[in-house]
Every structure is written in structure tokens, then in C-alpha cells.
Amino acid sequence: MSWLVEGTMQNGRTFRPSDWVDRVSGVLAKFGADHRLRYGAVRPCYVKGKKCLLVQKTLERDDPVAFEYVSTFVRTNGLQMHDLLAGTEVEEIGPGKTVKELGAVA
């Protein structure tokens, strides 16, 4: 179960800078033993051709500080965060990621 954060603000405008998804997910990622960046509960993805932020709901329980960081970022910048609907095609991106998966209802 996940939330999806889109790059469209509540006023309908596109959020800038355009690399905000990479910045937010990169801050919360870790480097693996192979020295490659590994995303955890917060990762970049594409939905309907738009770059979005995929936030697993377990983040709130597992890492409350990281969840607060993401929530505050979303609120402060007027972004839209909503439940990932069943059947939403999500293409995850990142090292070694080419897998498409279907979103689950929260």
C-alpha cells in the first residue's frame, strides 16, 4: 500500500524545480555494499508518463522522522498526496529497475 505524490500543486501549476522527485527520494536513499543507490520506502516512479514520488505507507510506522519530512515537504509546497488506486500502472525507476507493478488500494 502506497501514497503517490504528484508534481502538480493544488493550484494546478507544475511544481519546480523539475528534479524535486530525485532530490526527495535521494535524501532518503542509502548506498548498498555495491556502492549503488538503493531506494527504500520513498522512491521515484512514473505514472501516466509523469514523474512522481511513491511513498510506502509503512514509512509512517518504520521511520516517523522520514515520514514527517515527506509530509512537511508535500504540505509546504502545496503538492497532492493521495492513495495509490488499485490498477494504477506504476513504473519504478532506479538502479536495475524496469519492473512495472500495479498499485494497491490503501
N, C-alpha and C. Protein backbone atom coordinates (compact mmCIF):
# COMPACT_ATOMS: atom_id res chain seq x y z
N MET A 1 0.84 -1.17 0.00
CA MET A 1 0.00 0.00 0.00
C MET A 1 0.89 1.23 0.00
N SER A 2 0.51 2.17 -0.85
CA SER A 2 1.37 3.34 -1.03
C SER A 2 0.56 4.61 -1.25
N TRP A 3 1.25 5.72 -1.05
CA TRP A 3 0.74 7.02 -1.43
C TRP A 3 1.50 7.45 -2.67
N LEU A 4 0.88 8.28 -3.45
CA LEU A 4 1.50 8.84 -4.63
C LEU A 4 1.53 10.35 -4.49
N VAL A 5 2.69 10.94 -4.68
CA VAL A 5 2.84 12.39 -4.64
C VAL A 5 3.13 12.83 -6.07
N GLU A 6 2.27 13.68 -6.59
CA GLU A 6 2.41 14.16 -7.96
C GLU A 6 3.06 15.53 -7.97
N GLY A 7 3.63 15.89 -9.11
CA GLY A 7 4.31 17.17 -9.25
C GLY A 7 3.39 18.31 -9.62
N THR A 8 2.09 18.11 -9.43
CA THR A 8 1.13 19.17 -9.68
C THR A 8 0.67 19.73 -8.34
N MET A 9 0.77 21.03 -8.21
CA MET A 9 0.38 21.66 -6.95
C MET A 9 -1.14 21.78 -6.89
N GLN A 10 -1.66 22.07 -5.71
CA GLN A 10 -3.11 22.17 -5.52
C GLN A 10 -3.74 23.26 -6.38
N ASN A 11 -2.94 24.25 -6.78
CA ASN A 11 -3.46 25.32 -7.64
C ASN A 11 -3.38 24.95 -9.12
N GLY A 12 -2.93 23.71 -9.42
CA GLY A 12 -2.89 23.23 -10.79
C GLY A 12 -1.57 23.48 -11.53
N ARG A 13 -0.68 24.24 -10.92
CA ARG A 13 0.61 24.53 -11.56
C ARG A 13 1.58 23.38 -11.34
N THR A 14 2.56 23.27 -12.24
CA THR A 14 3.61 22.27 -12.12
C THR A 14 4.64 22.74 -11.11
N PHE A 15 5.01 21.87 -10.19
CA PHE A 15 5.98 22.22 -9.16
C PHE A 15 7.39 22.29 -9.76
N ARG A 16 8.13 23.26 -9.34
CA ARG A 16 9.53 23.45 -9.74
C ARG A 16 10.39 23.47 -8.51
N PRO A 17 11.61 22.98 -8.52
CA PRO A 17 12.37 22.54 -9.68
C PRO A 17 11.89 21.19 -10.18
N SER A 18 12.14 20.92 -11.43
CA SER A 18 11.63 19.70 -12.05
C SER A 18 12.26 18.43 -11.50
N ASP A 19 13.40 18.54 -10.82
CA ASP A 19 14.06 17.34 -10.27
C ASP A 19 13.72 17.09 -8.80
N TRP A 20 12.62 17.66 -8.32
CA TRP A 20 12.26 17.54 -6.91
C TRP A 20 12.09 16.08 -6.49
N VAL A 21 11.57 15.22 -7.38
CA VAL A 21 11.36 13.80 -7.05
C VAL A 21 12.71 13.15 -6.74
N ASP A 22 13.70 13.42 -7.59
CA ASP A 22 15.04 12.85 -7.38
C ASP A 22 15.66 13.37 -6.09
N ARG A 23 15.45 14.63 -5.81
CA ARG A 23 16.03 15.22 -4.59
C ARG A 23 15.45 14.60 -3.33
N VAL A 24 14.12 14.51 -3.27
CA VAL A 24 13.47 13.97 -2.08
C VAL A 24 13.79 12.49 -1.90
N SER A 25 13.68 11.71 -2.98
CA SER A 25 13.96 10.28 -2.85
C SER A 25 15.44 10.03 -2.60
N GLY A 26 16.31 10.87 -3.14
CA GLY A 26 17.75 10.71 -2.93
C GLY A 26 18.17 10.98 -1.50
N VAL A 27 17.52 11.95 -0.86
CA VAL A 27 17.83 12.27 0.54
C VAL A 27 17.55 11.07 1.43
N LEU A 28 16.52 10.30 1.10
CA LEU A 28 16.10 9.19 1.94
C LEU A 28 16.65 7.84 1.48
N ALA A 29 17.43 7.83 0.40
CA ALA A 29 18.02 6.58 -0.11
C ALA A 29 19.34 6.30 0.60
N LYS A 30 19.81 5.07 0.44
CA LYS A 30 21.09 4.66 1.05
C LYS A 30 21.93 3.98 -0.02
N PHE A 31 23.23 3.98 0.21
CA PHE A 31 24.12 3.28 -0.69
C PHE A 31 24.30 1.85 -0.20
N GLY A 32 24.21 0.89 -1.13
CA GLY A 32 24.39 -0.51 -0.80
C GLY A 32 25.85 -0.89 -0.78
N ALA A 33 26.13 -2.13 -0.46
CA ALA A 33 27.50 -2.65 -0.43
C ALA A 33 28.16 -2.55 -1.79
N ASP A 34 27.36 -2.53 -2.85
CA ASP A 34 27.89 -2.42 -4.20
C ASP A 34 28.09 -0.96 -4.63
N HIS A 35 27.91 -0.03 -3.67
CA HIS A 35 28.10 1.41 -3.89
C HIS A 35 27.06 2.01 -4.84
N ARG A 36 25.92 1.34 -4.94
CA ARG A 36 24.84 1.85 -5.76
C ARG A 36 23.73 2.36 -4.86
N LEU A 37 23.06 3.40 -5.31
CA LEU A 37 21.98 4.00 -4.55
C LEU A 37 20.79 3.04 -4.49
N ARG A 38 20.26 2.83 -3.29
CA ARG A 38 19.12 1.94 -3.07
C ARG A 38 17.99 2.72 -2.43
N TYR A 39 16.84 2.72 -3.09
CA TYR A 39 15.67 3.40 -2.54
C TYR A 39 14.98 2.49 -1.55
N GLY A 40 14.38 3.10 -0.56
CA GLY A 40 13.62 2.36 0.44
C GLY A 40 12.13 2.59 0.24
N ALA A 41 11.50 3.12 1.26
CA ALA A 41 10.05 3.33 1.24
C ALA A 41 9.64 4.55 0.44
N VAL A 42 10.61 5.35 -0.01
CA VAL A 42 10.34 6.54 -0.82
C VAL A 42 11.17 6.40 -2.09
N ARG A 43 10.49 6.39 -3.23
CA ARG A 43 11.22 6.16 -4.48
C ARG A 43 10.56 6.91 -5.64
N PRO A 44 11.36 7.24 -6.63
CA PRO A 44 10.79 7.88 -7.82
C PRO A 44 10.07 6.85 -8.67
N CYS A 45 9.07 7.30 -9.41
CA CYS A 45 8.35 6.41 -10.32
C CYS A 45 7.69 7.26 -11.40
N TYR A 46 7.18 6.59 -12.41
CA TYR A 46 6.40 7.25 -13.45
C TYR A 46 4.98 6.71 -13.41
N VAL A 47 4.02 7.61 -13.47
CA VAL A 47 2.61 7.24 -13.57
C VAL A 47 2.03 8.07 -14.71
N LYS A 48 1.51 7.40 -15.71
CA LYS A 48 0.95 8.06 -16.89
C LYS A 48 1.95 9.04 -17.51
N GLY A 49 3.21 8.63 -17.52
CA GLY A 49 4.25 9.44 -18.15
C GLY A 49 4.78 10.59 -17.32
N LYS A 50 4.25 10.77 -16.12
CA LYS A 50 4.70 11.85 -15.25
C LYS A 50 5.54 11.30 -14.11
N LYS A 51 6.62 11.99 -13.80
CA LYS A 51 7.48 11.55 -12.70
C LYS A 51 6.80 11.91 -11.38
N CYS A 52 6.70 10.92 -10.50
CA CYS A 52 6.02 11.08 -9.21
C CYS A 52 6.88 10.47 -8.11
N LEU A 53 6.44 10.65 -6.90
CA LEU A 53 7.10 10.09 -5.73
C LEU A 53 6.18 9.02 -5.14
N LEU A 54 6.69 7.82 -5.00
CA LEU A 54 5.93 6.71 -4.43
C LEU A 54 6.37 6.56 -2.98
N VAL A 55 5.43 6.66 -2.05
CA VAL A 55 5.73 6.59 -0.62
C VAL A 55 4.96 5.42 -0.02
N GLN A 56 5.69 4.42 0.45
CA GLN A 56 5.03 3.27 1.07
C GLN A 56 4.45 3.69 2.42
N LYS A 57 3.26 3.21 2.69
CA LYS A 57 2.58 3.58 3.94
C LYS A 57 3.32 3.09 5.18
N THR A 58 4.17 2.09 5.03
CA THR A 58 4.94 1.59 6.17
C THR A 58 5.95 2.63 6.67
N LEU A 59 6.25 3.63 5.86
CA LEU A 59 7.20 4.66 6.28
C LEU A 59 6.74 5.37 7.55
N GLU A 60 5.45 5.62 7.65
CA GLU A 60 4.91 6.32 8.82
C GLU A 60 5.22 5.57 10.11
N ARG A 61 5.16 4.25 10.08
CA ARG A 61 5.44 3.42 11.24
C ARG A 61 6.94 3.16 11.41
N ASP A 62 7.61 2.84 10.31
CA ASP A 62 9.01 2.42 10.37
C ASP A 62 10.01 3.55 10.55
N ASP A 63 9.69 4.72 10.01
CA ASP A 63 10.61 5.86 10.11
C ASP A 63 9.81 7.15 10.20
N PRO A 64 9.27 7.45 11.40
CA PRO A 64 8.41 8.62 11.57
C PRO A 64 9.09 9.94 11.18
N VAL A 65 10.40 10.04 11.38
CA VAL A 65 11.12 11.27 11.03
C VAL A 65 11.12 11.47 9.51
N ALA A 66 11.38 10.41 8.77
CA ALA A 66 11.36 10.49 7.31
C ALA A 66 9.94 10.77 6.81
N PHE A 67 8.95 10.15 7.45
CA PHE A 67 7.56 10.41 7.07
C PHE A 67 7.21 11.87 7.30
N GLU A 68 7.63 12.42 8.41
CA GLU A 68 7.36 13.83 8.71
C GLU A 68 8.05 14.74 7.69
N TYR A 69 9.26 14.38 7.28
CA TYR A 69 9.99 15.15 6.27
C TYR A 69 9.20 15.19 4.96
N VAL A 70 8.74 14.03 4.50
CA VAL A 70 7.98 13.96 3.25
C VAL A 70 6.65 14.70 3.39
N SER A 71 5.95 14.47 4.49
CA SER A 71 4.65 15.12 4.71
C SER A 71 4.77 16.63 4.75
N THR A 72 5.79 17.11 5.44
CA THR A 72 6.02 18.56 5.53
C THR A 72 6.36 19.13 4.16
N PHE A 73 7.17 18.43 3.39
CA PHE A 73 7.53 18.87 2.05
C PHE A 73 6.27 18.99 1.18
N VAL A 74 5.41 17.98 1.26
CA VAL A 74 4.18 17.98 0.48
C VAL A 74 3.28 19.14 0.88
N ARG A 75 3.07 19.30 2.18
CA ARG A 75 2.21 20.37 2.69
C ARG A 75 2.76 21.76 2.36
N THR A 76 4.03 21.97 2.65
CA THR A 76 4.66 23.28 2.46
C THR A 76 4.60 23.72 1.00
N ASN A 77 4.74 22.78 0.09
CA ASN A 77 4.79 23.12 -1.33
C ASN A 77 3.46 22.95 -2.06
N GLY A 78 2.41 22.65 -1.30
CA GLY A 78 1.08 22.55 -1.89
C GLY A 78 0.93 21.43 -2.90
N LEU A 79 1.67 20.34 -2.69
CA LEU A 79 1.59 19.20 -3.59
C LEU A 79 0.42 18.31 -3.22
N GLN A 80 0.07 17.41 -4.10
CA GLN A 80 -1.04 16.50 -3.87
C GLN A 80 -0.50 15.11 -3.54
N MET A 81 -0.92 14.58 -2.39
CA MET A 81 -0.55 13.23 -1.99
C MET A 81 -1.84 12.45 -1.77
N HIS A 82 -1.97 11.34 -2.47
CA HIS A 82 -3.19 10.56 -2.35
C HIS A 82 -2.88 9.08 -2.42
N ASP A 83 -3.86 8.28 -2.02
CA ASP A 83 -3.69 6.82 -2.07
C ASP A 83 -3.49 6.39 -3.51
N LEU A 84 -2.59 5.44 -3.68
CA LEU A 84 -2.39 4.85 -5.00
C LEU A 84 -3.56 3.92 -5.26
N LEU A 85 -4.30 4.18 -6.30
CA LEU A 85 -5.51 3.42 -6.59
C LEU A 85 -5.19 2.07 -7.21
N ALA A 86 -6.03 1.12 -6.92
CA ALA A 86 -5.87 -0.22 -7.50
C ALA A 86 -5.89 -0.10 -9.01
N GLY A 87 -4.98 -0.82 -9.65
CA GLY A 87 -4.94 -0.83 -11.10
C GLY A 87 -4.11 0.27 -11.71
N THR A 88 -3.56 1.17 -10.88
CA THR A 88 -2.70 2.23 -11.41
C THR A 88 -1.38 1.61 -11.81
N GLU A 89 -1.00 1.81 -13.05
CA GLU A 89 0.27 1.25 -13.52
C GLU A 89 1.41 2.18 -13.10
N VAL A 90 2.34 1.61 -12.35
CA VAL A 90 3.47 2.36 -11.82
C VAL A 90 4.75 1.76 -12.38
N GLU A 91 5.57 2.60 -12.99
CA GLU A 91 6.86 2.14 -13.46
C GLU A 91 7.92 2.69 -12.52
N GLU A 92 8.52 1.79 -11.74
CA GLU A 92 9.56 2.21 -10.80
C GLU A 92 10.84 2.48 -11.57
N ILE A 93 11.59 3.45 -11.09
CA ILE A 93 12.86 3.77 -11.72
C ILE A 93 13.96 3.74 -10.68
N GLY A 94 15.15 3.56 -11.13
CA GLY A 94 16.29 3.49 -10.24
C GLY A 94 17.21 2.38 -10.69
N PRO A 95 18.30 2.15 -9.96
CA PRO A 95 19.26 1.13 -10.35
C PRO A 95 18.60 -0.24 -10.53
N GLY A 96 18.70 -0.76 -11.73
CA GLY A 96 18.20 -2.09 -12.01
C GLY A 96 16.69 -2.20 -12.05
N LYS A 97 15.97 -1.11 -12.04
CA LYS A 97 14.51 -1.16 -12.02
C LYS A 97 13.95 -1.00 -13.43
N THR A 98 13.24 -2.00 -13.87
CA THR A 98 12.50 -1.92 -15.11
C THR A 98 11.13 -2.57 -14.93
N VAL A 99 10.82 -2.89 -13.70
CA VAL A 99 9.61 -3.64 -13.40
C VAL A 99 8.42 -2.71 -13.31
N LYS A 100 7.30 -3.14 -13.90
CA LYS A 100 6.06 -2.41 -13.76
C LYS A 100 5.19 -3.20 -12.80
N GLU A 101 4.53 -2.49 -11.90
CA GLU A 101 3.67 -3.19 -10.95
C GLU A 101 2.36 -2.45 -10.84
N LEU A 102 1.37 -3.09 -10.29
CA LEU A 102 0.08 -2.46 -10.12
C LEU A 102 -0.06 -1.95 -8.70
N GLY A 103 -0.60 -0.76 -8.56
CA GLY A 103 -0.80 -0.16 -7.26
C GLY A 103 -1.89 -0.90 -6.50
N ALA A 104 -1.82 -0.79 -5.20
CA ALA A 104 -2.80 -1.46 -4.34
C ALA A 104 -3.65 -0.41 -3.64
N VAL A 105 -4.84 -0.78 -3.33
CA VAL A 105 -5.72 0.12 -2.58
C VAL A 105 -5.26 0.17 -1.14
N ALA A 106 -5.25 1.35 -0.58
CA ALA A 106 -4.80 1.53 0.81
C ALA A 106 -5.84 1.04 1.78
